């Protein structure tokens, strides 16, 4: 069931049900953070491995000091300047946070989402929610309510429809548990904007893990079912697949001289923000098409282009 009834969504969450919620990044699959049965249901609905931790979404700044301990000054400053917004902070967890949520790690990932419906929902229920992206584990993240309905509809009590996600990429994750801040996942806040807010250029440590400390660190992730290859030279790669029906995922160049069966150009004007917002929906449309192979081009390594490349690399069938 899909709708915009915040109070109905709140009633379901309070009763321990799963509700898909809109955020500015992607749609999340939410359960009360303090209900272990409901949190377990998130992992089951997504077929998500128990070793991949969840982000806790809060609607009130007071929850930061309830859910985390030994919070560094730099983390508080980023929270103050970046929330609500597409940034998650990784902090030492308090005893209030279940090991189910953190996958046994002594840290917790916290975020205040920048979507008015979900912020209002969090105020109504009075507690945070644990919420990964509302899609089967490893698949393309949902940026619209109908994306959730198609894949998890029967597993979700309600889908709160907040329209299309404004950012379209998962949050940037910054760890504050070591001697200095470290970016663990590139995301909806660019490194340039993050550096401006923090006053320093944080270290980037984008790795792949079988026991991730934060979400989005698996090597294979955000993947389409039709094989996708992330390449630097579209024309050269297309020539390597004679006789195959090819689809194109491009930034702004239409490559009209090549015989595509389907193509998605994310921003004809070269706007990286627009491209990021459209990325996952475009990947879904291509995956629903008739192509045998999707060729996705590298984006400029600046602004949100770095996060887009990260997603396409993890989605690629060729590493």
Protein backbone atom coordinates (compact mmCIF):
# COMPACT_ATOMS: atom_id res chain seq x y z
CA UNK A 1 0.00 0.00 0.00
CA UNK A 2 1.32 3.42 -0.99
CA UNK A 3 0.17 6.84 0.20
CA UNK A 4 1.05 10.07 2.00
CA UNK A 5 -0.63 9.38 5.36
CA UNK A 6 2.10 10.16 7.91
CA UNK A 7 -0.06 9.24 10.89
CA UNK A 8 -0.91 5.83 9.42
CA UNK A 9 2.79 5.23 8.76
CA UNK A 10 3.57 6.24 12.35
CA UNK A 11 0.96 3.85 13.74
CA UNK A 12 2.46 0.98 11.76
CA UNK A 13 6.01 1.76 12.88
CA UNK A 14 4.93 1.98 16.51
CA UNK A 15 3.34 -1.47 16.09
CA UNK A 16 6.60 -2.97 14.87
CA UNK A 17 5.81 -3.01 11.15
CA UNK A 18 8.14 -2.11 8.27
CA UNK A 19 7.46 1.16 6.44
CA UNK A 20 9.26 2.49 3.38
CA UNK A 21 10.17 6.13 3.94
CA UNK A 22 11.26 8.89 1.56
CA UNK A 23 14.52 10.72 2.08
CA UNK A 24 16.41 13.20 -0.05
CA UNK A 25 18.93 10.46 -0.94
CA UNK A 26 16.97 7.25 -1.62
CA UNK A 27 13.92 5.53 -0.11
CA UNK A 28 14.62 3.65 3.11
CA UNK A 29 13.10 0.54 4.67
CA UNK A 30 12.39 1.61 8.23
CA UNK A 31 11.73 -0.04 11.57
CA UNK A 32 11.88 1.31 15.11
CA UNK A 33 15.51 1.18 16.22
CA UNK A 34 14.51 -0.24 19.62
CA UNK A 35 12.48 -3.19 18.27
CA UNK A 36 14.83 -6.11 17.58
CA UNK A 37 12.09 -8.18 15.94
CA UNK A 38 11.29 -5.36 13.51
CA UNK A 39 14.98 -4.72 12.82
CA UNK A 40 15.46 -8.41 12.07
CA UNK A 41 12.55 -8.17 9.64
CA UNK A 42 14.49 -5.51 7.68
CA UNK A 43 17.34 -7.95 7.06
CA UNK A 44 14.87 -10.67 6.08
CA UNK A 45 12.84 -8.49 3.71
CA UNK A 46 15.96 -7.33 1.88
CA UNK A 47 17.81 -10.66 2.10
CA UNK A 48 20.55 -8.52 3.60
CA UNK A 49 23.45 -10.29 5.33
CA UNK A 50 23.56 -9.76 9.08
CA UNK A 51 27.16 -8.50 8.85
CA UNK A 52 26.14 -5.35 6.92
CA UNK A 53 25.21 -2.63 9.47
CA UNK A 54 22.27 -0.23 9.24
CA UNK A 55 22.03 3.55 9.47
CA UNK A 56 19.89 4.98 12.26
CA UNK A 57 17.79 7.98 11.18
CA UNK A 58 16.93 10.59 13.79
CA UNK A 59 14.51 13.50 13.80
CA UNK A 60 15.82 15.29 16.90
CA UNK A 61 19.42 16.33 17.61
CA UNK A 62 19.02 15.20 21.23
CA UNK A 63 19.19 11.60 20.06
CA UNK A 64 22.84 11.97 19.03
CA UNK A 65 23.98 12.00 22.67
CA UNK A 66 21.63 9.14 23.52
CA UNK A 67 22.86 6.85 20.75
CA UNK A 68 26.57 7.74 20.70
CA UNK A 69 29.37 8.35 23.21
CA UNK A 70 32.73 10.14 23.15
CA UNK A 71 31.57 12.38 20.31
CA UNK A 72 34.44 14.48 18.90
CA UNK A 73 34.09 18.23 18.44
CA UNK A 74 34.59 17.84 14.67
CA UNK A 75 31.63 15.47 14.47
CA UNK A 76 29.39 17.88 16.35
CA UNK A 77 30.41 20.71 14.03
CA UNK A 78 29.63 18.66 10.93
CA UNK A 79 26.28 17.60 12.37
CA UNK A 80 25.48 21.24 13.09
CA UNK A 81 26.35 22.41 9.57
CA UNK A 82 25.23 19.43 7.45
CA UNK A 83 22.01 18.13 9.03
CA UNK A 84 19.36 17.60 7.93
CA UNK A 85 21.21 16.38 4.85
CA UNK A 86 22.95 13.60 2.92
CA UNK A 87 25.74 12.97 5.46
CA UNK A 88 26.01 10.06 7.89
CA UNK A 89 28.42 10.17 10.83
CA UNK A 90 29.97 7.02 12.29
CA UNK A 91 30.47 7.29 16.06
CA UNK A 92 31.10 5.05 19.07
CA UNK A 93 27.73 3.59 20.00
CA UNK A 94 25.95 3.76 23.33
CA UNK A 95 24.33 0.78 25.05
CA UNK A 96 20.95 1.90 23.67
CA UNK A 97 21.92 0.69 20.21
CA UNK A 98 21.41 -3.00 19.50
CA UNK A 99 24.23 -5.09 18.07
CA UNK A 100 21.71 -6.17 15.42
CA UNK A 101 21.82 -2.66 13.95
CA UNK A 102 25.61 -2.34 14.09
CA UNK A 103 26.34 -5.94 13.03
CA UNK A 104 28.34 -6.36 16.22
CA UNK A 105 30.57 -3.34 15.67
CA UNK A 106 31.11 -0.89 18.57
CA UNK A 107 30.07 1.97 16.26
CA UNK A 108 26.78 3.38 15.04
CA UNK A 109 25.95 5.27 11.84
CA UNK A 110 23.64 8.25 12.44
CA UNK A 111 21.87 10.59 10.03
CA UNK A 112 19.12 13.20 10.05
CA UNK A 113 17.36 12.93 6.68
CA UNK A 114 16.49 16.06 4.74
CA UNK A 115 12.93 15.19 3.77
CA UNK A 116 10.01 17.00 5.43
CA UNK A 117 7.65 13.99 5.46
CA UNK A 118 10.15 11.73 7.16
CA UNK A 119 11.24 14.39 9.64
CA UNK A 120 7.60 14.87 10.60
CA UNK A 121 7.14 11.09 10.84
CA UNK A 122 10.13 10.79 13.18
CA UNK A 123 8.72 13.51 15.42
CA UNK A 124 5.37 11.72 15.60
CA UNK A 125 6.78 8.31 16.56
CA UNK A 126 9.25 9.89 18.99
CA UNK A 127 12.11 7.45 18.37
CA UNK A 128 14.69 6.96 15.61
CA UNK A 129 14.37 4.30 12.94
CA UNK A 130 16.90 1.92 11.46
CA UNK A 131 16.63 2.20 7.68
CA UNK A 132 18.79 0.86 4.85
CA UNK A 133 17.72 1.44 1.25
CA UNK A 134 14.33 -0.11 0.43
CA UNK A 135 15.41 -2.63 -2.20
CA UNK A 136 16.62 -6.23 -2.37
CA UNK A 137 20.20 -6.40 -1.12
CA UNK A 138 22.77 -5.60 -3.78
CA UNK A 139 20.30 -4.18 -6.31
CA UNK A 140 19.85 -0.61 -7.53
CA UNK A 141 18.55 1.72 -4.81
CA UNK A 142 15.00 3.14 -5.11
CA UNK A 143 14.44 6.84 -5.70
CA UNK A 144 10.65 6.70 -6.11
CA UNK A 145 7.81 4.99 -4.28
CA UNK A 146 6.95 2.82 -7.29
CA UNK A 147 10.49 1.42 -7.28
CA UNK A 148 9.83 0.10 -3.76
CA UNK A 149 6.37 -1.18 -4.70
CA UNK A 150 7.74 -3.24 -7.60
CA UNK A 151 10.35 -5.03 -5.52
CA UNK A 152 9.35 -5.04 -1.86
CA UNK A 153 5.65 -4.19 -1.99
CA UNK A 154 4.38 -7.38 -0.36
CA UNK A 155 7.07 -7.22 2.34
CA UNK A 156 6.32 -3.65 3.46
CA UNK A 157 3.27 -2.63 5.48
CA UNK A 158 3.17 0.84 3.90
CA UNK A 159 5.13 2.97 1.45
CA UNK A 160 5.12 6.65 2.41
CA UNK A 161 5.23 8.45 -0.93
CA UNK A 162 7.37 11.56 -0.75
CA UNK A 163 7.93 11.97 -4.47
CA UNK A 164 11.21 11.51 -6.30
CA UNK A 165 14.39 11.71 -4.23
CA UNK A 166 16.04 15.12 -4.61
CA UNK A 167 19.66 13.93 -4.33
CA UNK A 168 19.41 10.40 -5.71
CA UNK A 169 22.61 8.99 -4.16
CA UNK A 170 23.00 7.45 -0.73
CA UNK A 171 24.55 9.59 1.98
CA UNK A 172 28.24 10.30 2.33
CA UNK A 173 29.57 8.45 5.39
CA UNK A 174 32.24 10.05 7.60
CA UNK A 175 33.86 8.10 10.44
CA UNK A 176 34.88 9.91 13.61
CA UNK A 177 36.06 6.88 15.58
CA UNK A 178 39.77 7.19 14.77
CA UNK A 179 42.37 9.91 15.31
CA UNK A 180 41.02 11.94 12.38
CA UNK A 181 37.87 12.00 10.21
CA UNK A 182 37.74 9.45 7.39
CA UNK A 183 35.25 9.22 4.52
CA UNK A 184 34.10 5.59 4.25
CA UNK A 185 31.51 6.08 1.50
CA UNK A 186 31.25 8.74 -1.17
CA UNK A 187 27.69 9.91 -1.56
CA UNK A 188 25.15 12.68 -1.84
CA UNK A 189 27.41 15.37 -0.39
CA UNK A 190 30.44 15.97 -2.60
CA UNK A 191 33.95 16.04 -1.18
CA UNK A 192 34.17 19.70 -2.13
CA UNK A 193 31.07 20.59 -0.09
CA UNK A 194 32.12 18.33 2.77
CA UNK A 195 35.56 19.97 2.90
CA UNK A 196 33.94 23.40 2.98
CA UNK A 197 31.72 22.42 5.89
CA UNK A 198 34.48 20.69 7.87
CA UNK A 199 37.23 23.20 7.15
CA UNK A 200 39.61 20.36 6.29
CA UNK A 201 40.00 17.81 3.51
CA UNK A 202 39.18 14.50 5.21
CA UNK A 203 40.99 11.32 4.27
CA UNK A 204 39.09 9.09 1.84
CA UNK A 205 39.27 5.39 2.60
CA UNK A 206 36.91 3.77 0.13
CA UNK A 207 37.42 0.04 0.47
CA UNK A 208 35.56 -3.18 -0.06
CA UNK A 209 34.87 -5.41 2.91
CA UNK A 210 33.34 -8.77 3.71
CA UNK A 211 32.80 -7.42 7.25
CA UNK A 212 31.93 -3.76 6.58
CA UNK A 213 32.01 -1.14 9.31
CA UNK A 214 29.46 0.97 7.43
CA UNK A 215 26.90 0.41 4.65
CA UNK A 216 27.86 0.55 0.98
CA UNK A 217 31.30 -1.03 1.34
CA UNK A 218 30.57 -4.32 -0.41
CA UNK A 219 32.48 -4.82 -3.66
CA UNK A 220 29.39 -5.90 -5.61
CA UNK A 221 26.53 -3.51 -4.94
CA UNK A 222 23.90 -1.30 -6.64
CA UNK A 223 23.90 -3.86 -9.47
CA UNK A 224 21.57 -4.34 -12.41
CA UNK A 225 20.54 -7.83 -13.52
CA UNK A 226 21.56 -7.15 -17.11
CA UNK A 227 25.38 -7.10 -17.07
CA UNK A 228 26.80 -3.58 -16.81
CA UNK A 229 30.37 -2.57 -17.63
CA UNK A 230 31.87 0.69 -16.38
CA UNK A 231 34.30 1.88 -19.06
CA UNK A 232 36.43 4.91 -19.91
CA UNK A 233 36.15 4.56 -23.69
CA UNK A 234 32.58 3.88 -24.79
CA UNK A 235 33.30 3.64 -28.52
CA UNK A 236 36.21 1.25 -28.09
CA UNK A 237 34.22 -0.97 -25.73
CA UNK A 238 31.19 -1.02 -28.05
CA UNK A 239 33.39 -2.31 -30.87
CA UNK A 240 34.45 -5.22 -28.64
CA UNK A 241 30.89 -6.59 -28.65
CA UNK A 242 29.85 -7.05 -32.30
CA UNK A 243 26.39 -8.51 -32.72
CA UNK A 244 25.33 -7.74 -29.15
CA UNK A 245 22.35 -5.52 -28.41
CA UNK A 246 23.90 -2.74 -26.33
CA UNK A 247 22.43 -0.10 -24.02
CA UNK A 248 24.17 3.15 -23.08
CA UNK A 249 24.36 4.95 -19.75
CA UNK A 250 26.12 8.26 -20.35
CA UNK A 251 26.71 11.63 -18.72
CA UNK A 252 25.92 14.04 -21.58
CA UNK A 253 27.25 12.59 -24.86
CA UNK A 254 24.59 10.65 -26.81
CA UNK A 255 27.14 8.71 -28.93
CA UNK A 256 24.63 8.87 -31.78
CA UNK A 257 27.03 7.20 -34.24
CA UNK A 258 26.67 3.88 -32.40
CA UNK A 259 23.66 1.52 -32.75
CA UNK A 260 22.19 1.49 -29.25
CA UNK A 261 19.04 -0.51 -28.58
CA UNK A 262 18.39 1.80 -25.61
CA UNK A 263 20.18 4.76 -24.06
CA UNK A 264 19.98 6.96 -20.99
CA UNK A 265 21.79 10.31 -20.99
CA UNK A 266 21.70 11.73 -17.46
CA UNK A 267 22.28 15.43 -18.19
CA UNK A 268 22.43 16.94 -21.66
CA UNK A 269 23.76 20.15 -20.09
CA UNK A 270 26.52 18.41 -18.13
CA UNK A 271 24.96 19.13 -14.72
CA UNK A 272 26.41 16.67 -12.22
CA UNK A 273 23.67 17.25 -9.64
CA UNK A 274 21.02 16.38 -12.24
CA UNK A 275 23.00 13.32 -13.31
CA UNK A 276 23.25 12.03 -9.73
CA UNK A 277 19.54 12.56 -9.14
CA UNK A 278 18.65 10.57 -12.27
CA UNK A 279 21.25 7.79 -12.02
CA UNK A 280 19.40 4.98 -10.25
CA UNK A 281 16.10 5.50 -12.08
CA UNK A 282 17.99 5.36 -15.39
CA UNK A 283 19.76 2.16 -14.35
CA UNK A 284 16.40 0.60 -13.52
CA UNK A 285 14.90 1.53 -16.89
CA UNK A 286 17.88 0.02 -18.70
CA UNK A 287 17.59 -3.12 -16.58
CA UNK A 288 13.96 -3.48 -17.64
CA UNK A 289 14.92 -3.23 -21.32
CA UNK A 290 16.00 -5.75 -23.94
CA UNK A 291 19.75 -5.10 -24.09
CA UNK A 292 22.29 -7.88 -23.60
CA UNK A 293 24.85 -5.52 -22.08
CA UNK A 294 24.86 -2.01 -20.56
CA UNK A 295 27.89 0.21 -21.17
CA UNK A 296 28.25 2.93 -18.53
CA UNK A 297 30.82 5.65 -19.05
CA UNK A 298 33.17 7.11 -16.45
CA UNK A 299 32.12 10.49 -15.10
CA UNK A 300 34.46 13.40 -14.39
CA UNK A 301 36.20 12.79 -11.04
CA UNK A 302 34.87 15.97 -9.47
CA UNK A 303 31.83 16.93 -7.43
CA UNK A 304 29.24 14.16 -7.32
CA UNK A 305 30.97 12.47 -10.25
CA UNK A 306 33.22 10.63 -7.81
CA UNK A 307 30.23 9.10 -6.02
CA UNK A 308 28.57 8.23 -9.34
CA UNK A 309 31.74 6.44 -10.44
CA UNK A 310 31.82 4.58 -7.12
CA UNK A 311 28.28 3.30 -7.66
CA UNK A 312 28.95 2.31 -11.27
CA UNK A 313 32.19 0.56 -10.34
CA UNK A 314 30.42 -1.53 -7.70
CA UNK A 315 27.57 -2.26 -10.15
CA UNK A 316 30.00 -3.27 -12.89
CA UNK A 317 30.34 -6.92 -13.84
CA UNK A 318 33.97 -6.19 -14.73
CA UNK A 319 36.07 -4.94 -11.80
